[in-house]
Amino acid sequence: MTDPDKELVVMATTDEIAISIARDILDNEGIKYSLGGAGLRKFGGSTFLGASLGPFMGEILIKVPAYLAHQARELLQGLSGADELDEESLPPTPA
C-alpha cells in the first residue's frame, strides 16, 4: 500500500505553457500539488519557472499526494509531460 503522505510525480516537462495549464487545472479542482525539479529558479525569496529558456533549464516536476495521483493524472492527460494512465494505476473496480 502506498503511503498517503508520499508525493508522486504526475508530470515532468520543460514546457512552461503545459505546466501553467496543469497548475490552473489542479488549482480549479482543489488538488494540492508542489513543484520541483531543475526547471525552477530562485531569485530572492521567489521561485519561478525557467524564464522561457525551456529545455535549457531542465524539467519542472508537478507532484501530488499519492491519494490524489490517479485523479490528477486523469485531469492532466494529454498535456506535454503528463504521466500516462496505465492499468496498474487504475483504481480497483467494485465486484
C-alpha atoms as a PDB file:
ATOM      1  CA  MET A   1       0.000   0.000   0.000  1.00  0.00           C
ATOM      2  CA  THR A   2       1.266   3.474  -0.880  1.00  0.00           C
ATOM      3  CA  ASP A   3       1.918   5.969   1.920  1.00  0.00           C
ATOM      4  CA  PRO A   4      -0.847   8.607   1.511  1.00  0.00           C
ATOM      5  CA  ASP A   5       1.532  11.392   2.594  1.00  0.00           C
ATOM      6  CA  LYS A   6       4.059  10.454  -0.066  1.00  0.00           C
ATOM      7  CA  GLU A   7       4.104  12.721  -3.119  1.00  0.00           C
ATOM      8  CA  LEU A   8       4.142  11.199  -6.600  1.00  0.00           C
ATOM      9  CA  VAL A   9       5.288  12.927  -9.783  1.00  0.00           C
ATOM     10  CA  VAL A  10       2.370  13.214 -12.214  1.00  0.00           C
ATOM     11  CA  MET A  11       4.070  15.497 -14.733  1.00  0.00           C
ATOM     12  CA  ALA A  12       7.651  16.235 -15.804  1.00  0.00           C
ATOM     13  CA  THR A  13       8.302  18.621 -18.669  1.00  0.00           C
ATOM     14  CA  THR A  14      10.289  21.582 -19.931  1.00  0.00           C
ATOM     15  CA  ASP A  15       7.110  23.036 -21.484  1.00  0.00           C
ATOM     16  CA  GLU A  16       6.252  26.053 -19.316  1.00  0.00           C
ATOM     17  CA  ILE A  17       2.881  26.511 -21.017  1.00  0.00           C
ATOM     18  CA  ALA A  18       1.889  22.912 -20.183  1.00  0.00           C
ATOM     19  CA  ILE A  19       2.974  23.487 -16.561  1.00  0.00           C
ATOM     20  CA  SER A  20       0.899  26.670 -16.394  1.00  0.00           C
ATOM     21  CA  ILE A  21      -2.170  24.882 -17.786  1.00  0.00           C
ATOM     22  CA  ALA A  22      -1.646  21.956 -15.397  1.00  0.00           C
ATOM     23  CA  ARG A  23      -1.403  24.308 -12.430  1.00  0.00           C
ATOM     24  CA  ASP A  24      -4.652  26.022 -13.429  1.00  0.00           C
ATOM     25  CA  ILE A  25      -6.410  22.659 -13.790  1.00  0.00           C
ATOM     26  CA  LEU A  26      -5.196  21.408 -10.415  1.00  0.00           C
ATOM     27  CA  ASP A  27      -5.991  24.724  -8.706  1.00  0.00           C
ATOM     28  CA  ASN A  28      -9.527  24.728 -10.144  1.00  0.00           C
ATOM     29  CA  GLU A  29     -10.085  21.163  -8.882  1.00  0.00           C
ATOM     30  CA  GLY A  30      -8.662  21.951  -5.445  1.00  0.00           C
ATOM     31  CA  ILE A  31      -5.856  19.400  -5.778  1.00  0.00           C
ATOM     32  CA  LYS A  32      -2.806  20.146  -3.648  1.00  0.00           C
ATOM     33  CA  TYR A  33       0.493  19.973  -5.546  1.00  0.00           C
ATOM     34  CA  SER A  34       4.096  21.039  -5.296  1.00  0.00           C
ATOM     35  CA  LEU A  35       6.644  21.984  -7.923  1.00  0.00           C
ATOM     36  CA  GLY A  36      10.190  20.705  -8.099  1.00  0.00           C
ATOM     37  CA  GLY A  37      12.988  19.929 -10.494  1.00  0.00           C
ATOM     38  CA  ALA A  38      15.839  21.730 -12.167  1.00  0.00           C
ATOM     39  CA  GLY A  39      13.462  23.898 -14.221  1.00  0.00           C
ATOM     40  CA  LEU A  40      12.639  26.051 -11.205  1.00  0.00           C
ATOM     41  CA  ARG A  41      14.788  29.044 -10.433  1.00  0.00           C
ATOM     42  CA  LYS A  42      15.032  31.089  -7.257  1.00  0.00           C
ATOM     43  CA  PHE A  43      15.524  34.837  -7.205  1.00  0.00           C
ATOM     44  CA  GLY A  44      15.450  36.500  -3.841  1.00  0.00           C
ATOM     45  CA  GLY A  45      12.607  34.894  -1.926  1.00  0.00           C
ATOM     46  CA  SER A  46      10.630  33.932  -5.022  1.00  0.00           C
ATOM     47  CA  THR A  47      10.595  30.725  -7.027  1.00  0.00           C
ATOM     48  CA  PHE A  48       9.668  30.914 -10.691  1.00  0.00           C
ATOM     49  CA  LEU A  49       9.684  28.829 -13.834  1.00  0.00           C
ATOM     50  CA  GLY A  50      12.748  28.738 -16.088  1.00  0.00           C
ATOM     51  CA  ALA A  51      12.138  32.185 -17.602  1.00  0.00           C
ATOM     52  CA  SER A  52      11.345  30.962 -21.127  1.00  0.00           C
ATOM     53  CA  LEU A  53      14.587  29.094 -21.590  1.00  0.00           C
ATOM     54  CA  GLY A  54      12.614  25.847 -21.758  1.00  0.00           C
ATOM     55  CA  PRO A  55      14.769  22.748 -22.251  1.00  0.00           C
ATOM     56  CA  PHE A  56      17.970  24.579 -21.317  1.00  0.00           C
ATOM     57  CA  MET A  57      16.720  24.971 -17.758  1.00  0.00           C
ATOM     58  CA  GLY A  58      15.722  21.348 -17.093  1.00  0.00           C
ATOM     59  CA  GLU A  59      12.438  19.686 -16.276  1.00  0.00           C
ATOM     60  CA  ILE A  60       9.811  21.021 -13.929  1.00  0.00           C
ATOM     61  CA  LEU A  61       8.010  18.373 -11.869  1.00  0.00           C
ATOM     62  CA  ILE A  62       4.458  18.510 -10.558  1.00  0.00           C
ATOM     63  CA  LYS A  63       3.976  16.283  -7.516  1.00  0.00           C
ATOM     64  CA  VAL A  64       0.723  15.474  -5.736  1.00  0.00           C
ATOM     65  CA  PRO A  65      -0.093  13.421  -2.637  1.00  0.00           C
ATOM     66  CA  ALA A  66      -0.299   9.719  -3.504  1.00  0.00           C
ATOM     67  CA  TYR A  67      -4.025   9.539  -2.779  1.00  0.00           C
ATOM     68  CA  LEU A  68      -4.690  12.254  -5.405  1.00  0.00           C
ATOM     69  CA  ALA A  69      -2.311  10.910  -8.071  1.00  0.00           C
ATOM     70  CA  HIS A  70      -4.898   8.982 -10.100  1.00  0.00           C
ATOM     71  CA  GLN A  71      -7.312  11.925 -10.183  1.00  0.00           C
ATOM     72  CA  ALA A  72      -4.509  14.330 -11.146  1.00  0.00           C
ATOM     73  CA  ARG A  73      -3.304  12.010 -13.929  1.00  0.00           C
ATOM     74  CA  GLU A  74      -6.828  11.839 -15.356  1.00  0.00           C
ATOM     75  CA  LEU A  75      -7.127  15.627 -15.337  1.00  0.00           C
ATOM     76  CA  LEU A  76      -3.705  16.211 -16.897  1.00  0.00           C
ATOM     77  CA  GLN A  77      -3.948  13.552 -19.623  1.00  0.00           C
ATOM     78  CA  GLY A  78      -2.846  14.897 -22.983  1.00  0.00           C
ATOM     79  CA  LEU A  79      -0.578  17.643 -21.638  1.00  0.00           C
ATOM     80  CA  SER A  80       3.099  17.539 -22.558  1.00  0.00           C
ATOM     81  CA  GLY A  81       4.984  15.542 -19.916  1.00  0.00           C
ATOM     82  CA  ALA A  82       1.909  14.225 -18.097  1.00  0.00           C
ATOM     83  CA  ASP A  83       2.136  10.647 -16.853  1.00  0.00           C
ATOM     84  CA  GLU A  84       0.110   8.250 -18.954  1.00  0.00           C
ATOM     85  CA  LEU A  85      -2.535   6.229 -17.157  1.00  0.00           C
ATOM     86  CA  ASP A  86      -1.796   2.546 -17.210  1.00  0.00           C
ATOM     87  CA  GLU A  87      -3.640  -0.497 -15.961  1.00  0.00           C
ATOM     88  CA  GLU A  88      -1.583  -0.591 -12.743  1.00  0.00           C
ATOM     89  CA  SER A  89      -2.604   2.936 -11.745  1.00  0.00           C
ATOM     90  CA  LEU A  90      -6.330   2.362 -12.247  1.00  0.00           C
ATOM     91  CA  PRO A  91      -8.362   2.000  -9.064  1.00  0.00           C
ATOM     92  CA  PRO A  92      -9.857  -1.437  -8.438  1.00  0.00           C
ATOM     93  CA  THR A  93     -13.292  -1.968  -9.917  1.00  0.00           C
ATOM     94  CA  PRO A  94     -16.013  -2.987  -7.454  1.00  0.00           C
ATOM     95  CA  ALA A  95     -17.054  -6.620  -7.633  1.00  0.00           C
END
